[in-house]
């Protein structure tokens, strides 16, 4: 992992590797579906609660307003690959069964 201020969720190198891997799997007839696992809850908390977590715990979640454009970019990247069938994101402290859509 190489943190970049301009791309704090995924660095440009990680994004390129992820995109290349998803493209390879999309072209591979033996791959039927892809499950993506993230170590953080990608869209569990509202921006309000993400602000509270930063204020109280010093933790910045992907739904924080400063990160949400980057999180949405990641989700758009994953959504653009038809074989991505499930995204699991979270840790031991969070659970949410969500269905995301663009409005």
PDB file of N, CA and C in Angstrom:
ATOM      1  N   UNK A   1       0.846  -1.176   0.000  1.00  0.00           N
ATOM      2  CA  UNK A   1       0.000   0.000   0.000  1.00  0.00           C
ATOM      3  C   UNK A   1       0.889   1.237   0.000  1.00  0.00           C
ATOM      4  N   UNK A   2       0.537   2.173  -0.855  1.00  0.00           N
ATOM      5  CA  UNK A   2       1.280   3.427  -0.930  1.00  0.00           C
ATOM      6  C   UNK A   2       0.276   4.563  -0.843  1.00  0.00           C
ATOM      7  N   UNK A   3       0.177   5.188   0.329  1.00  0.00           N
ATOM      8  CA  UNK A   3      -0.810   6.246   0.541  1.00  0.00           C
ATOM      9  C   UNK A   3      -0.520   7.434  -0.365  1.00  0.00           C
ATOM     10  N   UNK A   4      -1.582   7.967  -0.967  1.00  0.00           N
ATOM     11  CA  UNK A   4      -1.473   9.152  -1.804  1.00  0.00           C
ATOM     12  C   UNK A   4      -2.564  10.131  -1.385  1.00  0.00           C
ATOM     13  N   UNK A   5      -2.196  11.384  -1.114  1.00  0.00           N
ATOM     14  CA  UNK A   5      -3.183  12.396  -0.735  1.00  0.00           C
ATOM     15  C   UNK A   5      -4.270  12.556  -1.790  1.00  0.00           C
ATOM     16  N   UNK A   6      -3.898  12.443  -3.053  1.00  0.00           N
ATOM     17  CA  UNK A   6      -4.867  12.651  -4.133  1.00  0.00           C
ATOM     18  C   UNK A   6      -5.805  11.465  -4.322  1.00  0.00           C
ATOM     19  N   UNK A   7      -5.461  10.326  -3.751  1.00  0.00           N
ATOM     20  CA  UNK A   7      -6.292   9.125  -3.890  1.00  0.00           C
ATOM     21  C   UNK A   7      -6.199   8.302  -2.609  1.00  0.00           C
ATOM     22  N   UNK A   8      -6.844   8.764  -1.530  1.00  0.00           N
ATOM     23  CA  UNK A   8      -6.622   8.152  -0.215  1.00  0.00           C
ATOM     24  C   UNK A   8      -7.261   6.778  -0.010  1.00  0.00           C
ATOM     25  N   UNK A   9      -8.281   6.419  -0.778  1.00  0.00           N
ATOM     26  CA  UNK A   9      -8.887   5.096  -0.609  1.00  0.00           C
ATOM     27  C   UNK A   9      -8.044   4.041  -1.301  1.00  0.00           C
ATOM     28  N   UNK A  10      -7.766   4.248  -2.570  1.00  0.00           N
ATOM     29  CA  UNK A  10      -6.851   3.396  -3.340  1.00  0.00           C
ATOM     30  C   UNK A  10      -5.818   4.307  -3.980  1.00  0.00           C
ATOM     31  N   UNK A  11      -4.571   3.969  -3.847  1.00  0.00           N
ATOM     32  CA  UNK A  11      -3.558   4.716  -4.577  1.00  0.00           C
ATOM     33  C   UNK A  11      -3.674   4.406  -6.059  1.00  0.00           C
ATOM     34  N   UNK A  12      -3.042   5.190  -6.891  1.00  0.00           N
ATOM     35  CA  UNK A  12      -3.162   4.980  -8.337  1.00  0.00           C
ATOM     36  C   UNK A  12      -2.593   3.632  -8.763  1.00  0.00           C
ATOM     37  N   UNK A  13      -1.522   3.188  -8.117  1.00  0.00           N
ATOM     38  CA  UNK A  13      -0.952   1.874  -8.449  1.00  0.00           C
ATOM     39  C   UNK A  13      -1.920   0.763  -8.066  1.00  0.00           C
ATOM     40  N   UNK A  14      -2.493   0.848  -6.870  1.00  0.00           N
ATOM     41  CA  UNK A  14      -3.454  -0.173  -6.445  1.00  0.00           C
ATOM     42  C   UNK A  14      -4.670  -0.192  -7.360  1.00  0.00           C
ATOM     43  N   UNK A  15      -5.144   0.984  -7.725  1.00  0.00           N
ATOM     44  CA  UNK A  15      -6.310   1.044  -8.606  1.00  0.00           C
ATOM     45  C   UNK A  15      -6.001   0.405  -9.956  1.00  0.00           C
ATOM     46  N   UNK A  16      -4.813   0.669 -10.484  1.00  0.00           N
ATOM     47  CA  UNK A  16      -4.431   0.081 -11.772  1.00  0.00           C
ATOM     48  C   UNK A  16      -4.356  -1.443 -11.679  1.00  0.00           C
ATOM     49  N   UNK A  17      -3.777  -1.954 -10.593  1.00  0.00           N
ATOM     50  CA  UNK A  17      -3.677  -3.407 -10.405  1.00  0.00           C
ATOM     51  C   UNK A  17      -5.070  -4.012 -10.238  1.00  0.00           C
ATOM     52  N   UNK A  18      -5.921  -3.376  -9.454  1.00  0.00           N
ATOM     53  CA  UNK A  18      -7.283  -3.870  -9.261  1.00  0.00           C
ATOM     54  C   UNK A  18      -8.043  -3.892 -10.586  1.00  0.00           C
ATOM     55  N   UNK A  19      -7.959  -2.813 -11.333  1.00  0.00           N
ATOM     56  CA  UNK A  19      -8.655  -2.731 -12.605  1.00  0.00           C
ATOM     57  C   UNK A  19      -8.143  -3.790 -13.581  1.00  0.00           C
ATOM     58  N   UNK A  20      -6.840  -3.953 -13.646  1.00  0.00           N
ATOM     59  CA  UNK A  20      -6.253  -4.957 -14.538  1.00  0.00           C
ATOM     60  C   UNK A  20      -6.704  -6.360 -14.134  1.00  0.00           C
ATOM     61  N   UNK A  21      -6.696  -6.645 -12.845  1.00  0.00           N
ATOM     62  CA  UNK A  21      -7.118  -7.964 -12.360  1.00  0.00           C
ATOM     63  C   UNK A  21      -8.590  -8.211 -12.676  1.00  0.00           C
ATOM     64  N   UNK A  22      -9.439  -7.208 -12.432  1.00  0.00           N
ATOM     65  CA  UNK A  22     -10.862  -7.370 -12.749  1.00  0.00           C
ATOM     66  C   UNK A  22     -11.086  -7.561 -14.244  1.00  0.00           C
ATOM     67  N   UNK A  23     -10.312  -6.861 -15.067  1.00  0.00           N
ATOM     68  CA  UNK A  23     -10.420  -7.043 -16.519  1.00  0.00           C
ATOM     69  C   UNK A  23     -10.031  -8.459 -16.926  1.00  0.00           C
ATOM     70  N   UNK A  24      -8.966  -8.983 -16.318  1.00  0.00           N
ATOM     71  CA  UNK A  24      -8.544 -10.353 -16.615  1.00  0.00           C
ATOM     72  C   UNK A  24      -9.626 -11.351 -16.217  1.00  0.00           C
ATOM     73  N   UNK A  25     -10.192 -11.163 -15.028  1.00  0.00           N
ATOM     74  CA  UNK A  25     -11.232 -12.076 -14.568  1.00  0.00           C
ATOM     75  C   UNK A  25     -12.489 -11.950 -15.409  1.00  0.00           C
ATOM     76  N   UNK A  26     -12.809 -10.738 -15.859  1.00  0.00           N
ATOM     77  CA  UNK A  26     -13.981 -10.542 -16.709  1.00  0.00           C
ATOM     78  C   UNK A  26     -13.823 -11.279 -18.029  1.00  0.00           C
ATOM     79  N   UNK A  27     -12.612 -11.364 -18.538  1.00  0.00           N
ATOM     80  CA  UNK A  27     -12.351 -12.037 -19.809  1.00  0.00           C
ATOM     81  C   UNK A  27     -12.175 -13.547 -19.661  1.00  0.00           C
ATOM     82  N   UNK A  28     -12.035 -14.008 -18.437  1.00  0.00           N
ATOM     83  CA  UNK A  28     -11.788 -15.428 -18.173  1.00  0.00           C
ATOM     84  C   UNK A  28     -13.118 -16.167 -18.019  1.00  0.00           C
ATOM     85  N   UNK A  29     -13.396 -17.065 -18.951  1.00  0.00           N
ATOM     86  CA  UNK A  29     -14.663 -17.804 -18.929  1.00  0.00           C
ATOM     87  C   UNK A  29     -14.779 -18.742 -17.728  1.00  0.00           C
ATOM     88  N   UNK A  30     -13.653 -19.081 -17.100  1.00  0.00           N
ATOM     89  CA  UNK A  30     -13.719 -19.975 -15.940  1.00  0.00           C
ATOM     90  C   UNK A  30     -14.091 -19.241 -14.653  1.00  0.00           C
ATOM     91  N   UNK A  31     -14.035 -17.913 -14.682  1.00  0.00           N
ATOM     92  CA  UNK A  31     -14.420 -17.115 -13.510  1.00  0.00           C
ATOM     93  C   UNK A  31     -15.887 -16.736 -13.671  1.00  0.00           C
ATOM     94  N   UNK A  32     -16.711 -17.215 -12.746  1.00  0.00           N
ATOM     95  CA  UNK A  32     -18.141 -16.943 -12.835  1.00  0.00           C
ATOM     96  C   UNK A  32     -18.545 -15.700 -12.051  1.00  0.00           C
ATOM     97  N   UNK A  33     -17.936 -15.492 -10.903  1.00  0.00           N
ATOM     98  CA  UNK A  33     -18.256 -14.304 -10.112  1.00  0.00           C
ATOM     99  C   UNK A  33     -17.071 -13.955  -9.225  1.00  0.00           C
ATOM    100  N   UNK A  34     -17.045 -12.690  -8.823  1.00  0.00           N
ATOM    101  CA  UNK A  34     -15.949 -12.163  -8.011  1.00  0.00           C
ATOM    102  C   UNK A  34     -16.529 -11.572  -6.735  1.00  0.00           C
ATOM    103  N   UNK A  35     -15.940 -11.931  -5.614  1.00  0.00           N
ATOM    104  CA  UNK A  35     -16.293 -11.353  -4.324  1.00  0.00           C
ATOM    105  C   UNK A  35     -15.126 -10.463  -3.904  1.00  0.00           C
ATOM    106  N   UNK A  36     -15.420  -9.207  -3.615  1.00  0.00           N
ATOM    107  CA  UNK A  36     -14.404  -8.246  -3.207  1.00  0.00           C
ATOM    108  C   UNK A  36     -14.536  -8.028  -1.702  1.00  0.00           C
ATOM    109  N   UNK A  37     -13.426  -8.129  -1.002  1.00  0.00           N
ATOM    110  CA  UNK A  37     -13.423  -7.957   0.451  1.00  0.00           C
ATOM    111  C   UNK A  37     -12.568  -6.741   0.799  1.00  0.00           C
ATOM    112  N   UNK A  38     -13.132  -5.849   1.601  1.00  0.00           N
ATOM    113  CA  UNK A  38     -12.413  -4.656   2.064  1.00  0.00           C
ATOM    114  C   UNK A  38     -12.338  -4.691   3.586  1.00  0.00           C
ATOM    115  N   UNK A  39     -11.278  -4.150   4.121  1.00  0.00           N
ATOM    116  CA  UNK A  39     -11.068  -4.175   5.572  1.00  0.00           C
ATOM    117  C   UNK A  39     -11.844  -3.097   6.317  1.00  0.00           C
ATOM    118  N   UNK A  40     -12.534  -2.239   5.590  1.00  0.00           N
ATOM    119  CA  UNK A  40     -13.310  -1.167   6.208  1.00  0.00           C
ATOM    120  C   UNK A  40     -14.739  -1.200   5.672  1.00  0.00           C
ATOM    121  N   UNK A  41     -15.705  -0.706   6.458  1.00  0.00           N
ATOM    122  CA  UNK A  41     -17.075  -0.613   5.949  1.00  0.00           C
ATOM    123  C   UNK A  41     -17.154   0.510   4.915  1.00  0.00           C
ATOM    124  N   UNK A  42     -17.401   0.159   3.662  1.00  0.00           N
ATOM    125  CA  UNK A  42     -17.333   1.158   2.597  1.00  0.00           C
ATOM    126  C   UNK A  42     -18.465   2.173   2.633  1.00  0.00           C
ATOM    127  N   UNK A  43     -19.677   1.765   2.902  1.00  0.00           N
ATOM    128  CA  UNK A  43     -20.793   2.710   2.893  1.00  0.00           C
ATOM    129  C   UNK A  43     -21.762   2.449   4.045  1.00  0.00           C
ATOM    130  N   UNK A  44     -21.267   2.017   5.165  1.00  0.00           N
ATOM    131  CA  UNK A  44     -22.145   1.679   6.282  1.00  0.00           C
ATOM    132  C   UNK A  44     -22.636   2.917   7.019  1.00  0.00           C
ATOM    133  N   UNK A  45     -21.712   3.770   7.380  1.00  0.00           N
ATOM    134  CA  UNK A  45     -22.077   4.945   8.170  1.00  0.00           C
ATOM    135  C   UNK A  45     -22.531   6.090   7.271  1.00  0.00           C
ATOM    136  N   UNK A  46     -23.417   6.889   7.809  1.00  0.00           N
ATOM    137  CA  UNK A  46     -23.804   8.111   7.111  1.00  0.00           C
ATOM    138  C   UNK A  46     -22.674   9.127   7.256  1.00  0.00           C
ATOM    139  N   UNK A  47     -22.637  10.143   6.407  1.00  0.00           N
ATOM    140  CA  UNK A  47     -21.615  11.181   6.575  1.00  0.00           C
ATOM    141  C   UNK A  47     -21.641  11.809   7.973  1.00  0.00           C
ATOM    142  N   UNK A  48     -22.836  11.962   8.547  1.00  0.00           N
ATOM    143  CA  UNK A  48     -22.941  12.522   9.901  1.00  0.00           C
ATOM    144  C   UNK A  48     -22.187  11.660  10.907  1.00  0.00           C
ATOM    145  N   UNK A  49     -22.444  10.342  10.903  1.00  0.00           N
ATOM    146  CA  UNK A  49     -21.796   9.457  11.863  1.00  0.00           C
ATOM    147  C   UNK A  49     -20.313   9.305  11.573  1.00  0.00           C
ATOM    148  N   UNK A  50     -19.939   9.422  10.313  1.00  0.00           N
ATOM    149  CA  UNK A  50     -18.511   9.392   9.982  1.00  0.00           C
ATOM    150  C   UNK A  50     -17.798  10.612  10.569  1.00  0.00           C
ATOM    151  N   UNK A  51     -18.473  11.753  10.571  1.00  0.00           N
ATOM    152  CA  UNK A  51     -17.892  12.952  11.205  1.00  0.00           C
ATOM    153  C   UNK A  51     -17.742  12.748  12.714  1.00  0.00           C
ATOM    154  N   UNK A  52     -18.752  12.139  13.326  1.00  0.00           N
ATOM    155  CA  UNK A  52     -18.703  11.861  14.768  1.00  0.00           C
ATOM    156  C   UNK A  52     -17.546  10.913  15.084  1.00  0.00           C
ATOM    157  N   UNK A  53     -17.375   9.865  14.287  1.00  0.00           N
ATOM    158  CA  UNK A  53     -16.274   8.911  14.514  1.00  0.00           C
ATOM    159  C   UNK A  53     -14.925   9.610  14.432  1.00  0.00           C
ATOM    160  N   UNK A  54     -14.794  10.535  13.502  1.00  0.00           N
ATOM    161  CA  UNK A  54     -13.534  11.279  13.398  1.00  0.00           C
ATOM    162  C   UNK A  54     -13.333  12.168  14.625  1.00  0.00           C
ATOM    163  N   UNK A  55     -14.384  12.834  15.058  1.00  0.00           N
ATOM    164  CA  UNK A  55     -14.306  13.731  16.208  1.00  0.00           C
ATOM    165  C   UNK A  55     -14.011  12.970  17.499  1.00  0.00           C
ATOM    166  N   UNK A  56     -14.705  11.860  17.722  1.00  0.00           N
ATOM    167  CA  UNK A  56     -14.598  11.130  18.987  1.00  0.00           C
ATOM    168  C   UNK A  56     -13.418  10.162  18.994  1.00  0.00           C
ATOM    169  N   UNK A  57     -13.273   9.374  17.924  1.00  0.00           N
ATOM    170  CA  UNK A  57     -12.267   8.313  17.891  1.00  0.00           C
ATOM    171  C   UNK A  57     -11.041   8.641  17.056  1.00  0.00           C
ATOM    172  N   UNK A  58     -11.120   9.702  16.252  1.00  0.00           N
ATOM    173  CA  UNK A  58     -10.011  10.017  15.363  1.00  0.00           C
ATOM    174  C   UNK A  58      -9.925   9.086  14.167  1.00  0.00           C
ATOM    175  N   UNK A  59     -11.024   8.376  13.875  1.00  0.00           N
ATOM    176  CA  UNK A  59     -11.051   7.440  12.754  1.00  0.00           C
ATOM    177  C   UNK A  59     -11.787   8.065  11.577  1.00  0.00           C
ATOM    178  N   UNK A  60     -11.215   7.934  10.397  1.00  0.00           N
ATOM    179  CA  UNK A  60     -11.847   8.459   9.196  1.00  0.00           C
ATOM    180  C   UNK A  60     -12.381   7.294   8.375  1.00  0.00           C
ATOM    181  N   UNK A  61     -13.704   7.230   8.253  1.00  0.00           N
ATOM    182  CA  UNK A  61     -14.351   6.164   7.494  1.00  0.00           C
ATOM    183  C   UNK A  61     -14.592   6.599   6.054  1.00  0.00           C
ATOM    184  N   UNK A  62     -14.690   5.649   5.139  1.00  0.00           N
ATOM    185  CA  UNK A  62     -14.885   5.977   3.728  1.00  0.00           C
ATOM    186  C   UNK A  62     -16.136   6.802   3.431  1.00  0.00           C
ATOM    187  N   UNK A  63     -17.101   6.826   4.316  1.00  0.00           N
ATOM    188  CA  UNK A  63     -18.302   7.633   4.086  1.00  0.00           C
ATOM    189  C   UNK A  63     -18.150   9.068   4.591  1.00  0.00           C
ATOM    190  N   UNK A  64     -16.984   9.397   5.162  1.00  0.00           N
ATOM    191  CA  UNK A  64     -16.738  10.780   5.579  1.00  0.00           C
ATOM    192  C   UNK A  64     -16.734  11.670   4.333  1.00  0.00           C
ATOM    193  N   UNK A  65     -17.317  12.865   4.419  1.00  0.00           N
ATOM    194  CA  UNK A  65     -17.390  13.735   3.239  1.00  0.00           C
ATOM    195  C   UNK A  65     -16.049  13.973   2.532  1.00  0.00           C
ATOM    196  N   UNK A  66     -14.954  13.950   3.283  1.00  0.00           N
ATOM    197  CA  UNK A  66     -13.648  14.163   2.645  1.00  0.00           C
ATOM    198  C   UNK A  66     -13.206  12.957   1.814  1.00  0.00           C
ATOM    199  N   UNK A  67     -13.781  11.792   2.090  1.00  0.00           N
ATOM    200  CA  UNK A  67     -13.399  10.573   1.380  1.00  0.00           C
ATOM    201  C   UNK A  67     -14.489  10.037   0.459  1.00  0.00           C
ATOM    202  N   UNK A  68     -15.718  10.490   0.630  1.00  0.00           N
ATOM    203  CA  UNK A  68     -16.823   9.887  -0.130  1.00  0.00           C
ATOM    204  C   UNK A  68     -16.642   9.953  -1.649  1.00  0.00           C
ATOM    205  N   UNK A  69     -16.082  11.016  -2.237  1.00  0.00           N
ATOM    206  CA  UNK A  69     -15.870  10.973  -3.689  1.00  0.00           C
ATOM    207  C   UNK A  69     -14.926   9.835  -4.107  1.00  0.00           C
ATOM    208  N   UNK A  70     -13.912   9.562  -3.282  1.00  0.00           N
ATOM    209  CA  UNK A  70     -12.969   8.486  -3.582  1.00  0.00           C
ATOM    210  C   UNK A  70     -13.636   7.123  -3.385  1.00  0.00           C
ATOM    211  N   UNK A  71     -14.471   7.017  -2.365  1.00  0.00           N
ATOM    212  CA  UNK A  71     -15.207   5.777  -2.130  1.00  0.00           C
ATOM    213  C   UNK A  71     -16.167   5.513  -3.282  1.00  0.00           C
ATOM    214  N   UNK A  72     -16.874   6.541  -3.725  1.00  0.00           N
ATOM    215  CA  UNK A  72     -17.796   6.389  -4.855  1.00  0.00           C
ATOM    216  C   UNK A  72     -17.045   5.989  -6.124  1.00  0.00           C
ATOM    217  N   UNK A  73     -15.853   6.537  -6.305  1.00  0.00           N
ATOM    218  CA  UNK A  73     -15.036   6.164  -7.466  1.00  0.00           C
ATOM    219  C   UNK A  73     -14.698   4.675  -7.411  1.00  0.00           C
ATOM    220  N   UNK A  74     -14.305   4.185  -6.232  1.00  0.00           N
ATOM    221  CA  UNK A  74     -13.999   2.762  -6.070  1.00  0.00           C
ATOM    222  C   UNK A  74     -15.231   1.917  -6.358  1.00  0.00           C
ATOM    223  N   UNK A  75     -16.375   2.305  -5.807  1.00  0.00           N
ATOM    224  CA  UNK A  75     -17.600   1.538  -6.036  1.00  0.00           C
ATOM    225  C   UNK A  75     -17.999   1.559  -7.508  1.00  0.00           C
ATOM    226  N   UNK A  76     -17.804   2.693  -8.183  1.00  0.00           N
ATOM    227  CA  UNK A  76     -18.070   2.762  -9.624  1.00  0.00           C
ATOM    228  C   UNK A  76     -17.154   1.807 -10.390  1.00  0.00           C
ATOM    229  N   UNK A  77     -15.885   1.763  -9.994  1.00  0.00           N
ATOM    230  CA  UNK A  77     -14.944   0.845 -10.633  1.00  0.00           C
ATOM    231  C   UNK A  77     -15.404  -0.597 -10.465  1.00  0.00           C
ATOM    232  N   UNK A  78     -15.801  -0.958  -9.256  1.00  0.00           N
ATOM    233  CA  UNK A  78     -16.259  -2.322  -9.004  1.00  0.00           C
ATOM    234  C   UNK A  78     -17.551  -2.617  -9.755  1.00  0.00           C
ATOM    235  N   UNK A  79     -18.440  -1.634  -9.795  1.00  0.00           N
ATOM    236  CA  UNK A  79     -19.727  -1.822 -10.473  1.00  0.00           C
ATOM    237  C   UNK A  79     -19.561  -1.981 -11.980  1.00  0.00           C
ATOM    238  N   UNK A  80     -18.507  -1.437 -12.533  1.00  0.00           N
ATOM    239  CA  UNK A  80     -18.303  -1.511 -13.976  1.00  0.00           C
ATOM    240  C   UNK A  80     -17.880  -2.900 -14.447  1.00  0.00           C
ATOM    241  N   UNK A  81     -17.580  -3.777 -13.521  1.00  0.00           N
ATOM    242  CA  UNK A  81     -17.184  -5.142 -13.871  1.00  0.00           C
ATOM    243  C   UNK A  81     -18.339  -6.094 -13.559  1.00  0.00           C
ATOM    244  N   UNK A  82     -18.924  -6.701 -14.585  1.00  0.00           N
ATOM    245  CA  UNK A  82     -20.143  -7.488 -14.394  1.00  0.00           C
ATOM    246  C   UNK A  82     -19.984  -8.730 -13.519  1.00  0.00           C
ATOM    247  N   UNK A  83     -18.781  -9.217 -13.353  1.00  0.00           N
ATOM    248  CA  UNK A  83     -18.599 -10.428 -12.546  1.00  0.00           C
ATOM    249  C   UNK A  83     -18.464 -10.143 -11.055  1.00  0.00           C
ATOM    250  N   UNK A  84     -18.347  -8.876 -10.676  1.00  0.00           N
ATOM    251  CA  UNK A  84     -18.317  -8.531  -9.247  1.00  0.00           C
ATOM    252  C   UNK A  84     -19.741  -8.699  -8.730  1.00  0.00           C
ATOM    253  N   UNK A  85     -19.943  -9.751  -7.940  1.00  0.00           N
ATOM    254  CA  UNK A  85     -21.292 -10.075  -7.484  1.00  0.00           C
ATOM    255  C   UNK A  85     -21.544  -9.710  -6.029  1.00  0.00           C
ATOM    256  N   UNK A  86     -20.476  -9.505  -5.267  1.00  0.00           N
ATOM    257  CA  UNK A  86     -20.637  -9.216  -3.843  1.00  0.00           C
ATOM    258  C   UNK A  86     -19.440  -8.401  -3.368  1.00  0.00           C
ATOM    259  N   UNK A  87     -19.725  -7.381  -2.578  1.00  0.00           N
ATOM    260  CA  UNK A  87     -18.673  -6.587  -1.948  1.00  0.00           C
ATOM    261  C   UNK A  87     -18.868  -6.723  -0.443  1.00  0.00           C
ATOM    262  N   UNK A  88     -17.856  -7.237   0.240  1.00  0.00           N
ATOM    263  CA  UNK A  88     -17.902  -7.396   1.688  1.00  0.00           C
ATOM    264  C   UNK A  88     -16.927  -6.388   2.268  1.00  0.00           C
ATOM    265  N   UNK A  89     -17.446  -5.482   3.078  1.00  0.00           N
ATOM    266  CA  UNK A  89     -16.582  -4.486   3.692  1.00  0.00           C
ATOM    267  C   UNK A  89     -16.958  -4.301   5.136  1.00  0.00           C
ATOM    268  N   UNK A  90     -15.988  -4.263   6.000  1.00  0.00           N
ATOM    269  CA  UNK A  90     -16.295  -4.026   7.400  1.00  0.00           C
ATOM    270  C   UNK A  90     -15.238  -4.591   8.308  1.00  0.00           C
ATOM    271  N   UNK A  91     -15.555  -4.559   9.574  1.00  0.00           N
ATOM    272  CA  UNK A  91     -14.688  -5.144  10.576  1.00  0.00           C
ATOM    273  C   UNK A  91     -15.581  -5.775  11.645  1.00  0.00           C
ATOM    274  N   UNK A  92     -15.012  -6.147  12.746  1.00  0.00           N
ATOM    275  CA  UNK A  92     -15.782  -6.835  13.786  1.00  0.00           C
ATOM    276  C   UNK A  92     -16.844  -5.964  14.434  1.00  0.00           C
ATOM    277  N   UNK A  93     -16.744  -4.657  14.292  1.00  0.00           N
ATOM    278  CA  UNK A  93     -17.636  -3.745  14.989  1.00  0.00           C
ATOM    279  C   UNK A  93     -18.818  -3.273  14.157  1.00  0.00           C
ATOM    280  N   UNK A  94     -18.845  -3.590  12.881  1.00  0.00           N
ATOM    281  CA  UNK A  94     -19.889  -3.067  12.001  1.00  0.00           C
ATOM    282  C   UNK A  94     -20.528  -4.193  11.202  1.00  0.00           C
ATOM    283  N   UNK A  95     -21.831  -4.087  11.021  1.00  0.00           N
ATOM    284  CA  UNK A  95     -22.517  -4.978  10.095  1.00  0.00           C
ATOM    285  C   UNK A  95     -23.616  -4.199   9.408  1.00  0.00           C
ATOM    286  N   UNK A  96     -23.695  -4.376   8.135  1.00  0.00           N
ATOM    287  CA  UNK A  96     -24.782  -3.785   7.371  1.00  0.00           C
ATOM    288  C   UNK A  96     -25.006  -4.628   6.133  1.00  0.00           C
ATOM    289  N   UNK A  97     -26.243  -4.905   5.836  1.00  0.00           N
ATOM    290  CA  UNK A  97     -26.589  -5.624   4.627  1.00  0.00           C
ATOM    291  C   UNK A  97     -27.218  -4.598   3.696  1.00  0.00           C
ATOM    292  N   UNK A  98     -26.431  -4.079   2.777  1.00  0.00           N
ATOM    293  CA  UNK A  98     -26.848  -2.929   1.984  1.00  0.00           C
ATOM    294  C   UNK A  98     -26.949  -3.271   0.518  1.00  0.00           C
ATOM    295  N   UNK A  99     -27.840  -2.584  -0.142  1.00  0.00           N
ATOM    296  CA  UNK A  99     -27.931  -2.640  -1.584  1.00  0.00           C
ATOM    297  C   UNK A  99     -27.786  -1.194  -2.051  1.00  0.00           C
ATOM    298  N   UNK A 100     -26.730  -0.927  -2.802  1.00  0.00           N
ATOM    299  CA  UNK A 100     -26.431   0.439  -3.216  1.00  0.00           C
ATOM    300  C   UNK A 100     -26.934   0.685  -4.629  1.00  0.00           C
ATOM    301  N   UNK A 101     -27.403   1.895  -4.859  1.00  0.00           N
ATOM    302  CA  UNK A 101     -27.798   2.305  -6.198  1.00  0.00           C
ATOM    303  C   UNK A 101     -27.503   3.776  -6.352  1.00  0.00           C
ATOM    304  N   UNK A 102     -27.275   4.191  -7.584  1.00  0.00           N
ATOM    305  CA  UNK A 102     -27.033   5.616  -7.855  1.00  0.00           C
ATOM    306  C   UNK A 102     -28.381   6.295  -8.027  1.00  0.00           C
ATOM    307  N   UNK A 103     -28.545   7.446  -7.368  1.00  0.00           N
ATOM    308  CA  UNK A 103     -29.782   8.201  -7.539  1.00  0.00           C
ATOM    309  C   UNK A 103     -29.478   9.596  -8.022  1.00  0.00           C
TER     310      UNK A 103
END
